[in-house]
């Protein structure tokens, strides 16, 4: 849903909002992978739950148990490696940045959603 909203914002030339929502969509995808580790009606591990209260994408990737798989896949996929380099630096603080350019927003969008090597695409196959 957030990715679709970001696409609409890109089309409307609202680049700061698009940039923020794209990163947020990746954060949500990683948190979905983390949530998948907890079975319905189970009491979640307190440390995992507390650690998941972050917006840092690299930490969430690790908590989701996907860091090693990402490293392995990036070793054989230059496009995936380049896309992660763009995506990993997103922070929730971007919601306060009003000067995000069209290029920044479009680069993040492409890095997240590229059909074969986009980070969001890659994560979605794992939740």
C-alpha atoms as a PDB file:
ATOM      1  CA  UNK A   1       0.000   0.000   0.000  1.00  0.00           C
ATOM      2  CA  UNK A   2       2.738   2.489   0.904  1.00  0.00           C
ATOM      3  CA  UNK A   3       4.615   1.673  -2.308  1.00  0.00           C
ATOM      4  CA  UNK A   4       1.504   2.457  -4.347  1.00  0.00           C
ATOM      5  CA  UNK A   5       1.057   5.718  -2.440  1.00  0.00           C
ATOM      6  CA  UNK A   6       4.698   6.595  -3.111  1.00  0.00           C
ATOM      7  CA  UNK A   7       4.158   5.942  -6.807  1.00  0.00           C
ATOM      8  CA  UNK A   8       1.195   8.334  -6.787  1.00  0.00           C
ATOM      9  CA  UNK A   9       3.279  10.957  -5.016  1.00  0.00           C
ATOM     10  CA  UNK A  10       6.049  10.566  -7.596  1.00  0.00           C
ATOM     11  CA  UNK A  11       3.526  11.103 -10.374  1.00  0.00           C
ATOM     12  CA  UNK A  12       2.269  14.207  -8.559  1.00  0.00           C
ATOM     13  CA  UNK A  13       5.872  15.455  -8.227  1.00  0.00           C
ATOM     14  CA  UNK A  14       5.703  15.280  -4.430  1.00  0.00           C
ATOM     15  CA  UNK A  15       9.217  13.923  -4.091  1.00  0.00           C
ATOM     16  CA  UNK A  16       9.828  14.244  -0.332  1.00  0.00           C
ATOM     17  CA  UNK A  17       6.649  12.330   0.487  1.00  0.00           C
ATOM     18  CA  UNK A  18       7.376   9.682  -2.134  1.00  0.00           C
ATOM     19  CA  UNK A  19      10.889   9.195  -0.784  1.00  0.00           C
ATOM     20  CA  UNK A  20       9.677   8.837   2.788  1.00  0.00           C
ATOM     21  CA  UNK A  21       6.905   6.374   1.922  1.00  0.00           C
ATOM     22  CA  UNK A  22       9.200   4.233  -0.205  1.00  0.00           C
ATOM     23  CA  UNK A  23      11.586   3.758   2.689  1.00  0.00           C
ATOM     24  CA  UNK A  24       8.678   3.171   5.019  1.00  0.00           C
ATOM     25  CA  UNK A  25       7.348   0.456   2.695  1.00  0.00           C
ATOM     26  CA  UNK A  26      10.686  -1.351   2.979  1.00  0.00           C
ATOM     27  CA  UNK A  27      10.615  -0.957   6.754  1.00  0.00           C
ATOM     28  CA  UNK A  28       7.114  -2.473   6.838  1.00  0.00           C
ATOM     29  CA  UNK A  29       8.174  -5.360   4.615  1.00  0.00           C
ATOM     30  CA  UNK A  30      11.075  -6.188   6.911  1.00  0.00           C
ATOM     31  CA  UNK A  31       8.823  -5.970   9.961  1.00  0.00           C
ATOM     32  CA  UNK A  32       6.431  -8.392   8.245  1.00  0.00           C
ATOM     33  CA  UNK A  33       9.350 -10.828   7.943  1.00  0.00           C
ATOM     34  CA  UNK A  34      10.128 -10.348  11.635  1.00  0.00           C
ATOM     35  CA  UNK A  35       6.482 -10.863  12.602  1.00  0.00           C
ATOM     36  CA  UNK A  36       6.453 -14.094  10.615  1.00  0.00           C
ATOM     37  CA  UNK A  37       8.925 -15.481  13.161  1.00  0.00           C
ATOM     38  CA  UNK A  38       6.196 -15.389  15.818  1.00  0.00           C
ATOM     39  CA  UNK A  39       3.391 -17.900  15.569  1.00  0.00           C
ATOM     40  CA  UNK A  40      -0.198 -16.918  16.164  1.00  0.00           C
ATOM     41  CA  UNK A  41      -1.098 -17.020  19.861  1.00  0.00           C
ATOM     42  CA  UNK A  42       2.587 -17.273  20.840  1.00  0.00           C
ATOM     43  CA  UNK A  43       4.073 -14.740  23.189  1.00  0.00           C
ATOM     44  CA  UNK A  44       6.878 -13.009  21.231  1.00  0.00           C
ATOM     45  CA  UNK A  45      10.413 -12.920  22.493  1.00  0.00           C
ATOM     46  CA  UNK A  46      10.758  -9.658  24.426  1.00  0.00           C
ATOM     47  CA  UNK A  47      14.229  -8.870  23.109  1.00  0.00           C
ATOM     48  CA  UNK A  48      13.132  -9.409  19.503  1.00  0.00           C
ATOM     49  CA  UNK A  49      10.052  -7.248  20.027  1.00  0.00           C
ATOM     50  CA  UNK A  50      12.030  -4.444  21.665  1.00  0.00           C
ATOM     51  CA  UNK A  51      14.752  -4.551  19.021  1.00  0.00           C
ATOM     52  CA  UNK A  52      12.175  -4.404  16.245  1.00  0.00           C
ATOM     53  CA  UNK A  53      11.106  -0.955  17.452  1.00  0.00           C
ATOM     54  CA  UNK A  54      13.556   0.698  15.095  1.00  0.00           C
ATOM     55  CA  UNK A  55      13.508   2.316  11.687  1.00  0.00           C
ATOM     56  CA  UNK A  56      17.072   1.286  10.801  1.00  0.00           C
ATOM     57  CA  UNK A  57      16.813  -0.909   7.726  1.00  0.00           C
ATOM     58  CA  UNK A  58      20.111  -2.732   8.250  1.00  0.00           C
ATOM     59  CA  UNK A  59      19.116  -3.692  11.786  1.00  0.00           C
ATOM     60  CA  UNK A  60      15.662  -4.793  10.637  1.00  0.00           C
ATOM     61  CA  UNK A  61      17.244  -6.898   7.886  1.00  0.00           C
ATOM     62  CA  UNK A  62      19.311  -8.623  10.542  1.00  0.00           C
ATOM     63  CA  UNK A  63      16.352  -9.129  12.901  1.00  0.00           C
ATOM     64  CA  UNK A  64      14.379 -10.608  10.017  1.00  0.00           C
ATOM     65  CA  UNK A  65      17.166 -13.171   9.634  1.00  0.00           C
ATOM     66  CA  UNK A  66      17.869 -12.062   6.079  1.00  0.00           C
ATOM     67  CA  UNK A  67      21.305 -10.428   6.327  1.00  0.00           C
ATOM     68  CA  UNK A  68      23.330 -13.480   5.348  1.00  0.00           C
ATOM     69  CA  UNK A  69      20.977 -14.325   2.493  1.00  0.00           C
ATOM     70  CA  UNK A  70      21.164 -10.736   1.252  1.00  0.00           C
ATOM     71  CA  UNK A  71      24.967 -10.810   1.418  1.00  0.00           C
ATOM     72  CA  UNK A  72      25.030 -14.081  -0.519  1.00  0.00           C
ATOM     73  CA  UNK A  73      22.638 -12.789  -3.176  1.00  0.00           C
ATOM     74  CA  UNK A  74      24.481  -9.481  -3.497  1.00  0.00           C
ATOM     75  CA  UNK A  75      27.719 -11.377  -4.100  1.00  0.00           C
ATOM     76  CA  UNK A  76      26.238 -12.709  -7.337  1.00  0.00           C
ATOM     77  CA  UNK A  77      24.034  -9.752  -8.282  1.00  0.00           C
ATOM     78  CA  UNK A  78      25.584  -6.366  -8.884  1.00  0.00           C
ATOM     79  CA  UNK A  79      22.139  -4.733  -9.412  1.00  0.00           C
ATOM     80  CA  UNK A  80      20.922  -6.040  -6.039  1.00  0.00           C
ATOM     81  CA  UNK A  81      24.123  -4.777  -4.398  1.00  0.00           C
ATOM     82  CA  UNK A  82      23.702  -1.322  -5.967  1.00  0.00           C
ATOM     83  CA  UNK A  83      20.037  -1.169  -4.982  1.00  0.00           C
ATOM     84  CA  UNK A  84      20.805  -2.062  -1.370  1.00  0.00           C
ATOM     85  CA  UNK A  85      23.461   0.671  -1.335  1.00  0.00           C
ATOM     86  CA  UNK A  86      20.725   3.175  -2.223  1.00  0.00           C
ATOM     87  CA  UNK A  87      18.068   1.775   0.103  1.00  0.00           C
ATOM     88  CA  UNK A  88      20.063   1.084   3.262  1.00  0.00           C
ATOM     89  CA  UNK A  89      20.747   4.763   3.942  1.00  0.00           C
ATOM     90  CA  UNK A  90      17.055   5.715   4.144  1.00  0.00           C
ATOM     91  CA  UNK A  91      16.002   6.932   7.590  1.00  0.00           C
ATOM     92  CA  UNK A  92      12.691   7.921   9.103  1.00  0.00           C
ATOM     93  CA  UNK A  93      14.175  11.393   9.489  1.00  0.00           C
ATOM     94  CA  UNK A  94      13.604  11.851   5.759  1.00  0.00           C
ATOM     95  CA  UNK A  95      10.017  12.783   6.578  1.00  0.00           C
ATOM     96  CA  UNK A  96      11.389  16.130   7.734  1.00  0.00           C
ATOM     97  CA  UNK A  97      13.544  16.736   4.658  1.00  0.00           C
ATOM     98  CA  UNK A  98      11.726  19.058   2.307  1.00  0.00           C
ATOM     99  CA  UNK A  99      14.535  19.310  -0.228  1.00  0.00           C
ATOM    100  CA  UNK A 100      14.509  15.746  -1.542  1.00  0.00           C
ATOM    101  CA  UNK A 101      15.016  15.926  -5.285  1.00  0.00           C
ATOM    102  CA  UNK A 102      13.243  14.100  -8.057  1.00  0.00           C
ATOM    103  CA  UNK A 103      16.424  12.127  -8.707  1.00  0.00           C
ATOM    104  CA  UNK A 104      16.662  10.973  -5.080  1.00  0.00           C
ATOM    105  CA  UNK A 105      13.022   9.910  -5.011  1.00  0.00           C
ATOM    106  CA  UNK A 106      13.193   8.118  -8.360  1.00  0.00           C
ATOM    107  CA  UNK A 107      16.474   6.411  -7.471  1.00  0.00           C
ATOM    108  CA  UNK A 108      14.962   5.068  -4.255  1.00  0.00           C
ATOM    109  CA  UNK A 109      11.812   4.006  -6.087  1.00  0.00           C
ATOM    110  CA  UNK A 110      13.790   2.080  -8.701  1.00  0.00           C
ATOM    111  CA  UNK A 111      16.126   0.560  -6.105  1.00  0.00           C
ATOM    112  CA  UNK A 112      13.128  -0.644  -4.127  1.00  0.00           C
ATOM    113  CA  UNK A 113      10.825  -1.825  -6.888  1.00  0.00           C
ATOM    114  CA  UNK A 114      12.972  -3.059  -9.765  1.00  0.00           C
ATOM    115  CA  UNK A 115      11.359  -6.245 -11.042  1.00  0.00           C
ATOM    116  CA  UNK A 116      14.332  -8.574 -10.719  1.00  0.00           C
ATOM    117  CA  UNK A 117      16.686  -6.922  -8.247  1.00  0.00           C
ATOM    118  CA  UNK A 118      14.655  -4.399  -6.269  1.00  0.00           C
ATOM    119  CA  UNK A 119      15.031  -4.590  -2.517  1.00  0.00           C
ATOM    120  CA  UNK A 120      11.305  -4.541  -1.834  1.00  0.00           C
ATOM    121  CA  UNK A 121      10.859  -7.167  -4.550  1.00  0.00           C
ATOM    122  CA  UNK A 122      13.568  -9.292  -2.926  1.00  0.00           C
ATOM    123  CA  UNK A 123      12.028  -8.979   0.560  1.00  0.00           C
ATOM    124  CA  UNK A 124       8.513  -9.796  -0.641  1.00  0.00           C
ATOM    125  CA  UNK A 125       9.630 -13.262  -1.756  1.00  0.00           C
ATOM    126  CA  UNK A 126      10.695 -13.958   1.810  1.00  0.00           C
ATOM    127  CA  UNK A 127       7.650 -12.974   3.839  1.00  0.00           C
END
